[in-house]
Structures are given as structure tokens and as C-alpha cells.
C-alpha atoms as a PDB file:
ATOM      1  CA  MET A   1      67.860 129.933 191.655  1.00  0.00           C
ATOM      2  CA  GLY A   2      68.558 126.527 193.004  1.00  0.00           C
ATOM      3  CA  ARG A   3      71.365 126.031 195.530  1.00  0.00           C
ATOM      4  CA  ARG A   4      73.439 124.055 193.017  1.00  0.00           C
ATOM      5  CA  THR A   5      73.125 126.827 190.398  1.00  0.00           C
ATOM      6  CA  GLU A   6      74.004 129.461 193.016  1.00  0.00           C
ATOM      7  CA  ASP A   7      77.126 127.529 194.114  1.00  0.00           C
ATOM      8  CA  TYR A   8      78.266 127.093 190.502  1.00  0.00           C
ATOM      9  CA  ILE A   9      77.802 130.769 189.674  1.00  0.00           C
ATOM     10  CA  GLN A  10      79.531 131.892 192.905  1.00  0.00           C
ATOM     11  CA  SER A  11      82.649 130.000 191.834  1.00  0.00           C
ATOM     12  CA  ARG A  12      82.694 131.879 188.524  1.00  0.00           C
ATOM     13  CA  VAL A  13      82.128 135.497 189.700  1.00  0.00           C
ATOM     14  CA  ASN A  14      84.936 137.792 188.544  1.00  0.00           C
ATOM     15  CA  SER A  15      83.763 141.183 189.891  1.00  0.00           C
ATOM     16  CA  VAL A  16      81.587 142.263 192.819  1.00  0.00           C
ATOM     17  CA  ILE A  17      79.933 145.570 193.677  1.00  0.00           C
ATOM     18  CA  GLY A  18      79.654 144.900 197.395  1.00  0.00           C
ATOM     19  CA  LYS A  19      76.963 145.648 199.929  1.00  0.00           C
ATOM     20  CA  GLY A  20      77.086 149.296 200.997  1.00  0.00           C
ATOM     21  CA  THR A  21      78.813 150.337 197.751  1.00  0.00           C
ATOM     22  CA  GLU A  22      77.222 152.802 195.326  1.00  0.00           C
ATOM     23  CA  PHE A  23      78.413 153.088 191.728  1.00  0.00           C
ATOM     24  CA  GLU A  24      77.240 155.538 189.072  1.00  0.00           C
ATOM     25  CA  GLY A  25      78.327 155.068 185.460  1.00  0.00           C
ATOM     26  CA  THR A  26      78.633 152.371 182.807  1.00  0.00           C
ATOM     27  CA  ILE A  27      79.971 148.866 183.427  1.00  0.00           C
ATOM     28  CA  LYS A  28      81.261 146.840 180.453  1.00  0.00           C
ATOM     29  CA  THR A  29      82.770 143.385 180.932  1.00  0.00           C
ATOM     30  CA  SER A  30      83.180 140.018 179.294  1.00  0.00           C
ATOM     31  CA  GLU A  31      82.992 138.277 182.668  1.00  0.00           C
ATOM     32  CA  THR A  32      80.452 137.451 185.381  1.00  0.00           C
ATOM     33  CA  VAL A  33      79.524 140.308 187.738  1.00  0.00           C
ATOM     34  CA  ARG A  34      77.625 140.219 191.036  1.00  0.00           C
ATOM     35  CA  ILE A  35      75.848 143.328 192.354  1.00  0.00           C
ATOM     36  CA  GLU A  36      75.189 143.466 196.111  1.00  0.00           C
ATOM     37  CA  GLY A  37      75.214 147.273 196.366  1.00  0.00           C
ATOM     38  CA  PHE A  38      73.606 149.964 194.189  1.00  0.00           C
ATOM     39  CA  VAL A  39      74.422 150.688 190.541  1.00  0.00           C
ATOM     40  CA  LYS A  40      72.918 153.635 188.677  1.00  0.00           C
ATOM     41  CA  GLY A  41      73.811 153.305 185.017  1.00  0.00           C
ATOM     42  CA  ASN A  42      74.026 150.808 182.219  1.00  0.00           C
ATOM     43  CA  ILE A  43      75.619 147.375 182.490  1.00  0.00           C
ATOM     44  CA  LYS A  44      76.809 145.326 179.516  1.00  0.00           C
ATOM     45  CA  SER A  45      78.296 141.874 180.107  1.00  0.00           C
ATOM     46  CA  GLU A  46      79.097 139.021 177.765  1.00  0.00           C
ATOM     47  CA  GLY A  47      78.772 136.754 180.797  1.00  0.00           C
ATOM     48  CA  THR A  48      76.250 136.525 183.604  1.00  0.00           C
ATOM     49  CA  LEU A  49      74.980 139.420 185.700  1.00  0.00           C
ATOM     50  CA  ILE A  50      73.788 138.558 189.206  1.00  0.00           C
ATOM     51  CA  ILE A  51      71.819 141.058 191.263  1.00  0.00           C
ATOM     52  CA  GLY A  52      71.984 139.663 194.799  1.00  0.00           C
ATOM     53  CA  ASN A  53      69.196 139.892 197.387  1.00  0.00           C
ATOM     54  CA  GLY A  54      70.425 143.277 198.634  1.00  0.00           C
ATOM     55  CA  GLY A  55      71.451 144.578 195.212  1.00  0.00           C
ATOM     56  CA  LYS A  56      69.735 147.304 193.230  1.00  0.00           C
ATOM     57  CA  VAL A  57      70.267 148.420 189.622  1.00  0.00           C
ATOM     58  CA  ASP A  58      68.708 151.468 187.947  1.00  0.00           C
ATOM     59  CA  GLY A  59      69.562 151.332 184.243  1.00  0.00           C
ATOM     60  CA  LYS A  60      69.695 149.271 181.067  1.00  0.00           C
ATOM     61  CA  ILE A  61      71.173 145.777 181.412  1.00  0.00           C
ATOM     62  CA  GLU A  62      72.539 143.640 178.582  1.00  0.00           C
ATOM     63  CA  ALA A  63      74.027 140.207 179.341  1.00  0.00           C
ATOM     64  CA  ALA A  64      73.972 136.581 178.312  1.00  0.00           C
ATOM     65  CA  ASN A  65      72.190 135.648 181.568  1.00  0.00           C
ATOM     66  CA  ILE A  66      70.606 137.918 184.168  1.00  0.00           C
ATOM     67  CA  LEU A  67      69.789 136.503 187.600  1.00  0.00           C
ATOM     68  CA  VAL A  68      67.705 138.804 189.809  1.00  0.00           C
ATOM     69  CA  GLY A  69      67.459 138.412 193.568  1.00  0.00           C
ATOM     70  CA  GLY A  70      67.346 142.144 194.314  1.00  0.00           C
ATOM     71  CA  GLU A  71      65.685 145.055 192.481  1.00  0.00           C
ATOM     72  CA  VAL A  72      66.046 146.202 188.887  1.00  0.00           C
ATOM     73  CA  TYR A  73      64.540 149.343 187.339  1.00  0.00           C
ATOM     74  CA  GLY A  74      65.045 149.513 183.570  1.00  0.00           C
ATOM     75  CA  GLU A  75      65.264 147.534 180.343  1.00  0.00           C
ATOM     76  CA  LEU A  76      66.756 144.032 180.496  1.00  0.00           C
ATOM     77  CA  TYR A  77      68.188 142.250 177.436  1.00  0.00           C
ATOM     78  CA  ALA A  78      69.461 138.673 177.760  1.00  0.00           C
ATOM     79  CA  THR A  79      70.642 136.541 174.861  1.00  0.00           C
ATOM     80  CA  GLU A  80      70.091 133.385 176.938  1.00  0.00           C
ATOM     81  CA  LYS A  81      68.035 133.670 180.144  1.00  0.00           C
ATOM     82  CA  ILE A  82      66.516 136.001 182.716  1.00  0.00           C
ATOM     83  CA  GLU A  83      65.691 134.480 186.088  1.00  0.00           C
ATOM     84  CA  ALA A  84      63.940 136.221 189.002  1.00  0.00           C
ATOM     85  CA  ASN A  85      64.106 134.303 192.266  1.00  0.00           C
ATOM     86  CA  ALA A  86      61.571 134.651 195.094  1.00  0.00           C
ATOM     87  CA  SER A  87      63.115 137.909 196.375  1.00  0.00           C
ATOM     88  CA  GLY A  88      63.613 139.355 192.862  1.00  0.00           C
ATOM     89  CA  ARG A  89      61.875 142.565 191.756  1.00  0.00           C
ATOM     90  CA  ILE A  90      61.898 143.654 188.110  1.00  0.00           C
ATOM     91  CA  TYR A  91      60.298 146.976 187.148  1.00  0.00           C
ATOM     92  CA  GLY A  92      60.751 147.412 183.415  1.00  0.00           C
ATOM     93  CA  ASN A  93      60.594 145.619 180.097  1.00  0.00           C
ATOM     94  CA  ILE A  94      62.536 142.458 179.362  1.00  0.00           C
ATOM     95  CA  HIS A  95      63.752 140.882 176.137  1.00  0.00           C
ATOM     96  CA  THR A  96      65.057 137.327 176.383  1.00  0.00           C
ATOM     97  CA  LYS A  97      65.144 133.859 174.916  1.00  0.00           C
ATOM     98  CA  ASN A  98      64.173 132.129 178.222  1.00  0.00           C
ATOM     99  CA  LEU A  99      62.393 133.463 181.315  1.00  0.00           C
ATOM    100  CA  ILE A 100      62.043 131.960 184.794  1.00  0.00           C
ATOM    101  CA  VAL A 101      60.019 133.804 187.453  1.00  0.00           C
ATOM    102  CA  ASP A 102      59.736 132.222 190.905  1.00  0.00           C
ATOM    103  CA  GLU A 103      56.425 132.242 192.761  1.00  0.00           C
ATOM    104  CA  ASN A 104      57.025 135.276 195.010  1.00  0.00           C
ATOM    105  CA  ALA A 105      59.036 137.376 192.548  1.00  0.00           C
ATOM    106  CA  ILE A 106      57.602 140.643 191.208  1.00  0.00           C
ATOM    107  CA  PHE A 107      57.696 141.584 187.538  1.00  0.00           C
ATOM    108  CA  GLN A 108      56.002 144.771 186.320  1.00  0.00           C
ATOM    109  CA  GLY A 109      56.521 145.464 182.638  1.00  0.00           C
ATOM    110  CA  THR A 110      56.371 143.683 179.324  1.00  0.00           C
ATOM    111  CA  CYS A 111      58.225 140.598 178.170  1.00  0.00           C
ATOM    112  CA  GLU A 112      59.365 139.883 174.640  1.00  0.00           C
ATOM    113  CA  MET A 113      60.457 136.282 174.135  1.00  0.00           C
ATOM    114  CA  THR A 114      62.857 136.080 171.214  1.00  0.00           C
ATOM    115  CA  GLY A 115      65.282 133.722 169.604  1.00  0.00           C
ATOM    116  CA  ARG A 116      68.985 134.395 170.135  1.00  0.00           C
ATOM    117  CA  GLU A 117      69.431 136.160 166.775  1.00  0.00           C
ATOM    118  CA  GLU A 118      66.442 138.427 167.394  1.00  0.00           C
ATOM    119  CA  ALA A 119      67.621 139.359 170.914  1.00  0.00           C
ATOM    120  CA  GLU A 120      71.093 140.212 169.619  1.00  0.00           C
ATOM    121  CA  SER A 121      69.686 142.363 166.797  1.00  0.00           C
ATOM    122  CA  VAL A 122      67.540 144.296 169.293  1.00  0.00           C
ATOM    123  CA  ASN A 123      70.738 145.093 171.243  1.00  0.00           C
ATOM    124  CA  ALA A 124      72.646 146.206 168.137  1.00  0.00           C
ATOM    125  CA  GLU A 125      73.366 149.890 167.710  1.00  0.00           C
ATOM    126  CA  PRO A 126      71.061 151.530 165.150  1.00  0.00           C
ATOM    127  CA  ALA A 127      72.685 152.510 161.863  1.00  0.00           C
ATOM    128  CA  ALA A 128      73.327 156.221 161.428  1.00  0.00           C
ATOM    129  CA  GLU A 129      70.752 157.859 159.186  1.00  0.00           C
ATOM    130  CA  GLU A 130      71.937 159.869 156.238  1.00  0.00           C
END
């Protein structure tokens, strides 16, 4: 992430899981969330999810944008963009419209590049079988 992008996003963060904080469970929000601590569970945001340099997430993530500076273990679904900066570590499969991976970032998994409609349909709940 560039400094200008980082400054813009910082001004829009609504919730923070701070450094030294551990959270287990499901997070659902329509706003931007920044993770500096550890989250074990699923995260669903209509906004942007930021995993800071010291942050760690173990679970499924669904958001419009996902910015990774820390570590993520699990499936990532973004309707707009996934970005891993130089300190970012992604271990799992990603589904997104746009992908940016900085030179020193680590990504181990598969990537499915989709259009917005396709990414949203992948995230939809499956219909109950009769």
C-alpha cells in the first residue's frame, strides 16, 4: 500500500482489533475494520478489511477490499480488490476482481480472478436442497 492510500484508509477506519487483543468468533460489519491483534473466526464486511503488519486472521474473510500487511490463513473473497503489501502473508485461496501482490509478500494458495457478479455469486449462500 502506498502512503497516500494508507493515510486515506486510516481516516476511514471505524473499528480496530488492537495489538495484543485476541478475538474468537464472527465479525459482521458494513464499515471498515483494522486488525492489529489476532482474530480466529470469520469476518464479513461490506467495507474494507485491513490486516495490519502485526495482525493475524485465521478464518474466512469476505469484504469489498482486503488489504494484508500481516498474516491470513483461510479463504479470502473480495468483490473489488485484494492487496498484499511487502510484509503481507496469505496462506489460502483467494477470489477477487483485482489482485496486487508486492515484491516481498508471500501468497501460498490459488487465485480465482472474477468479475464482480461472479465474486458475489460465489459468496452467496447455497440454496437448500429438497
